[in-house]
Amino acid sequence: MWLGLKLFAAGAFEWLVRGLSAAGKWLASDWRNLAVAIVFPALLWSQLVTVPGLRADLAEAEAGLAAEQAAHLGTVNAFLAAAKQAQAEAEANARRVAREQETITDAITSDYRSALAGLRARFDRLRARNAAPSDPRHADAAGLPGLPDSAGRADAPAGEDRFPAGGALGLDDALIASEQALQLQALIDWVKAQSAVRFVPEEPR
């Protein structure tokens, strides 16, 4: 066995020496052979080692870039979705506020008109009652005019600012004052109700 290994080693060494000698002669025969001998191993190394390594690095970089772009796109989409939802919530809240304000305005306007109609109806009844003859001297059984009132019972002339000289309001002035008071009260109720409207959306619990 040792002999076989020895012979094999001797043959291999001899083959190596012959190959190196032939390669040396080939390199010495032409300078271009030396250039090929230098360039070919470098090219072979680049194709077998450098290029695959660069390709692996490039693939890794491309994968990282794709992952970063996907994450960035996800962030942008999440931001756009949040902004869209916020805009929808703001628009819905604005519609709610407008509905509540309109409901308040309609209710107070309806109450005011109803109260105003009732007020004017009461004053119409007062006018009708005051216009009805209550003194038997105004007309006799035959329908003739009654005796005129004495001078002392004549209506007092109106004073300044449309108020009677005696200090009492006439029906028309009292109606105007009552209408203004009713309108002022309706306005106060409207302002209070409008100020109670919640403009900020309620926080979810």
Protein backbone atom coordinates (compact mmCIF):
# COMPACT_ATOMS: atom_id res chain seq x y z
CA MET A 1 0.00 0.00 0.00
CA TRP A 2 2.72 2.38 0.94
CA LEU A 3 4.46 1.50 -2.24
CA GLY A 4 1.39 2.32 -4.27
CA LEU A 5 0.99 5.67 -2.58
CA LYS A 6 4.64 6.41 -3.13
CA LEU A 7 4.42 5.61 -6.79
CA PHE A 8 1.24 7.67 -7.15
CA ALA A 9 2.80 10.64 -5.40
CA ALA A 10 5.91 10.36 -7.54
CA GLY A 11 3.78 10.26 -10.71
CA ALA A 12 1.65 13.18 -9.62
CA PHE A 13 4.71 15.25 -8.77
CA GLU A 14 6.25 14.45 -12.10
CA TRP A 15 3.00 15.41 -13.86
CA LEU A 16 2.89 18.67 -11.92
CA VAL A 17 6.47 19.51 -12.80
CA ARG A 18 5.83 18.81 -16.46
CA GLY A 19 2.68 20.92 -16.42
CA LEU A 20 4.42 23.84 -14.78
CA SER A 21 7.28 23.57 -17.21
CA ALA A 22 4.91 23.53 -20.17
CA ALA A 23 2.98 26.47 -18.74
CA GLY A 24 6.20 28.40 -18.23
CA LYS A 25 7.25 27.78 -21.80
CA TRP A 26 3.79 28.83 -23.01
CA LEU A 27 3.91 32.04 -21.02
CA ALA A 28 7.41 32.84 -22.20
CA SER A 29 6.57 32.22 -25.82
CA ASP A 30 4.23 35.26 -26.12
CA TRP A 31 3.50 38.22 -23.83
CA ARG A 32 -0.20 37.93 -24.66
CA ASN A 33 -0.19 34.50 -23.06
CA LEU A 34 0.91 36.16 -19.82
CA ALA A 35 -1.97 38.66 -20.09
CA VAL A 36 -4.42 35.82 -20.65
CA ALA A 37 -2.97 33.94 -17.68
CA ILE A 38 -3.56 36.99 -15.49
CA VAL A 39 -6.96 38.03 -16.82
CA PHE A 40 -8.54 34.58 -17.09
CA PRO A 41 -8.21 33.68 -13.39
CA ALA A 42 -9.50 37.11 -12.42
CA LEU A 43 -12.44 36.71 -14.78
CA LEU A 44 -13.07 33.23 -13.52
CA TRP A 45 -12.96 34.47 -9.93
CA SER A 46 -15.37 37.28 -10.68
CA GLN A 47 -17.82 34.95 -12.38
CA LEU A 48 -17.67 32.29 -9.69
CA VAL A 49 -17.32 34.41 -6.55
CA THR A 50 -17.66 38.18 -7.03
CA VAL A 51 -20.68 38.33 -9.34
CA PRO A 52 -22.79 35.84 -7.36
CA GLY A 53 -21.94 37.73 -4.20
CA LEU A 54 -22.95 41.02 -5.80
CA ARG A 55 -26.14 39.45 -7.07
CA ALA A 56 -26.95 38.19 -3.60
CA ASP A 57 -26.27 41.62 -2.13
CA LEU A 58 -28.38 43.25 -4.83
CA ALA A 59 -31.24 40.83 -4.23
CA GLU A 60 -31.03 41.49 -0.50
CA ALA A 61 -31.00 45.24 -1.09
CA GLU A 62 -33.96 44.99 -3.46
CA ALA A 63 -35.87 42.91 -0.92
CA GLY A 64 -35.12 45.44 1.82
CA LEU A 65 -36.16 48.32 -0.44
CA ALA A 66 -39.37 46.54 -1.37
CA ALA A 67 -40.13 45.90 2.30
CA GLU A 68 -39.41 49.54 3.16
CA GLN A 69 -41.60 50.76 0.31
CA ALA A 70 -44.39 48.43 1.41
CA ALA A 71 -44.14 49.69 4.97
CA HIS A 72 -44.10 53.30 3.77
CA LEU A 73 -47.08 52.64 1.52
CA GLY A 74 -48.91 51.03 4.42
CA THR A 75 -48.21 54.10 6.56
CA VAL A 76 -49.46 56.42 3.82
CA ASN A 77 -52.59 54.34 3.29
CA ALA A 78 -53.27 54.27 7.02
CA PHE A 79 -52.83 58.05 7.21
CA LEU A 80 -55.14 58.59 4.23
CA ALA A 81 -57.73 56.26 5.73
CA ALA A 82 -57.53 58.06 9.07
CA ALA A 83 -57.83 61.44 7.36
CA LYS A 84 -60.80 60.24 5.32
CA GLN A 85 -62.49 58.88 8.42
CA ALA A 86 -61.81 62.11 10.32
CA GLN A 87 -63.30 64.13 7.45
CA ALA A 88 -66.37 61.87 7.35
CA GLU A 89 -66.81 62.21 11.11
CA ALA A 90 -66.42 66.00 10.92
CA GLU A 91 -69.00 66.23 8.13
CA ALA A 92 -71.39 63.97 10.04
CA ASN A 93 -70.92 66.09 13.16
CA ALA A 94 -71.57 69.28 11.17
CA ARG A 95 -74.78 67.77 9.80
CA ARG A 96 -75.84 66.76 13.31
CA VAL A 97 -75.21 70.26 14.66
CA ALA A 98 -77.15 71.79 11.76
CA ARG A 99 -80.08 69.41 12.35
CA GLU A 100 -80.17 70.18 16.07
CA GLN A 101 -79.98 73.93 15.45
CA GLU A 102 -82.71 73.73 12.84
CA THR A 103 -84.89 71.65 15.16
CA ILE A 104 -84.44 74.21 17.94
CA THR A 105 -85.24 77.10 15.59
CA ASP A 106 -88.33 75.37 14.23
CA ALA A 107 -89.62 74.46 17.69
CA ILE A 108 -89.11 77.93 19.19
CA THR A 109 -90.53 79.61 16.08
CA SER A 110 -93.60 77.40 16.24
CA ASP A 111 -94.08 78.09 19.97
CA TYR A 112 -93.59 81.81 19.40
CA ARG A 113 -96.15 81.94 16.60
CA SER A 114 -98.63 79.94 18.64
CA ALA A 115 -98.13 82.18 21.69
CA LEU A 116 -98.37 85.30 19.51
CA ALA A 117 -101.61 84.09 17.95
CA GLY A 118 -103.03 83.38 21.42
CA LEU A 119 -101.93 86.80 22.65
CA ARG A 120 -103.56 88.59 19.74
CA ALA A 121 -106.73 86.54 20.17
CA ARG A 122 -106.95 87.61 23.82
CA PHE A 123 -106.54 91.25 22.87
CA ASP A 124 -109.20 90.85 20.16
CA ARG A 125 -111.58 89.52 22.80
CA LEU A 126 -110.73 92.48 25.03
CA ARG A 127 -111.47 94.88 22.18
CA ALA A 128 -114.75 93.15 21.45
CA ARG A 129 -115.74 93.24 25.13
CA ASN A 130 -114.84 96.90 25.46
CA ALA A 131 -116.74 97.73 22.29
CA ALA A 132 -119.94 95.99 23.48
CA PRO A 133 -122.50 98.36 25.12
CA SER A 134 -122.57 97.81 28.83
CA ASP A 135 -124.33 101.03 29.95
CA PRO A 136 -128.18 100.99 29.53
CA ARG A 137 -128.01 104.67 28.67
CA HIS A 138 -126.28 103.85 25.35
CA ALA A 139 -129.51 102.62 23.74
CA ASP A 140 -133.16 102.35 24.74
CA ALA A 141 -135.59 99.60 23.95
CA ALA A 142 -136.57 101.28 20.70
CA GLY A 143 -132.96 101.33 19.51
CA LEU A 144 -132.53 105.10 19.94
CA PRO A 145 -129.18 106.44 21.03
CA GLY A 146 -128.75 106.77 24.77
CA LEU A 147 -127.71 109.73 26.76
CA PRO A 148 -124.17 110.94 26.11
CA ASP A 149 -121.55 110.46 28.81
CA SER A 150 -120.82 113.40 31.01
CA ALA A 151 -117.84 115.51 30.25
CA GLY A 152 -116.05 114.18 33.31
CA ARG A 153 -116.05 110.61 31.89
CA ALA A 154 -114.53 111.49 28.53
CA ASP A 155 -111.31 109.66 27.68
CA ALA A 156 -108.21 111.50 28.75
CA PRO A 157 -105.97 112.74 25.92
CA ALA A 158 -102.87 110.74 25.19
CA GLY A 159 -99.65 112.07 26.68
CA GLU A 160 -96.08 111.87 25.37
CA ASP A 161 -94.65 108.60 23.94
CA ARG A 162 -98.16 107.36 23.10
CA PHE A 163 -98.97 106.78 26.76
CA PRO A 164 -102.27 108.15 28.04
CA ALA A 165 -102.08 111.10 30.37
CA GLY A 166 -103.39 109.02 33.21
CA GLY A 167 -100.49 106.55 32.95
CA ALA A 168 -102.51 103.55 31.70
CA LEU A 169 -101.69 101.84 28.38
CA GLY A 170 -104.30 101.55 25.70
CA LEU A 171 -105.08 98.15 24.19
CA ASP A 172 -102.96 98.75 21.09
CA ASP A 173 -99.95 99.90 23.12
CA ALA A 174 -100.38 97.02 25.55
CA LEU A 175 -100.53 94.59 22.62
CA ILE A 176 -97.31 95.99 21.12
CA ALA A 177 -95.54 95.80 24.49
CA SER A 178 -96.77 92.22 25.02
CA GLU A 179 -95.65 91.18 21.54
CA GLN A 180 -92.19 92.65 22.13
CA ALA A 181 -91.90 90.91 25.49
CA LEU A 182 -93.00 87.64 23.88
CA GLN A 183 -90.48 88.08 21.07
CA LEU A 184 -87.69 88.86 23.55
CA GLN A 185 -88.50 85.77 25.61
CA ALA A 186 -88.50 83.61 22.48
CA LEU A 187 -85.10 85.04 21.51
CA ILE A 188 -83.71 84.30 24.99
CA ASP A 189 -85.02 80.73 24.82
CA TRP A 190 -83.49 80.32 21.35
CA VAL A 191 -80.07 81.57 22.50
CA LYS A 192 -80.11 79.27 25.54
CA ALA A 193 -81.09 76.26 23.46
CA GLN A 194 -78.50 77.01 20.77
CA SER A 195 -75.75 77.42 23.34
CA ALA A 196 -76.58 73.97 24.70
CA VAL A 197 -75.87 72.33 21.33
CA ARG A 198 -72.70 70.21 21.50
CA PHE A 199 -70.39 71.25 18.66
CA VAL A 200 -67.60 68.80 19.49
CA PRO A 201 -68.34 65.12 18.76
CA GLU A 202 -68.85 62.98 21.80
CA GLU A 203 -65.82 60.90 22.70
CA PRO A 204 -66.38 57.16 22.27
CA ARG A 205 -66.58 55.29 25.54
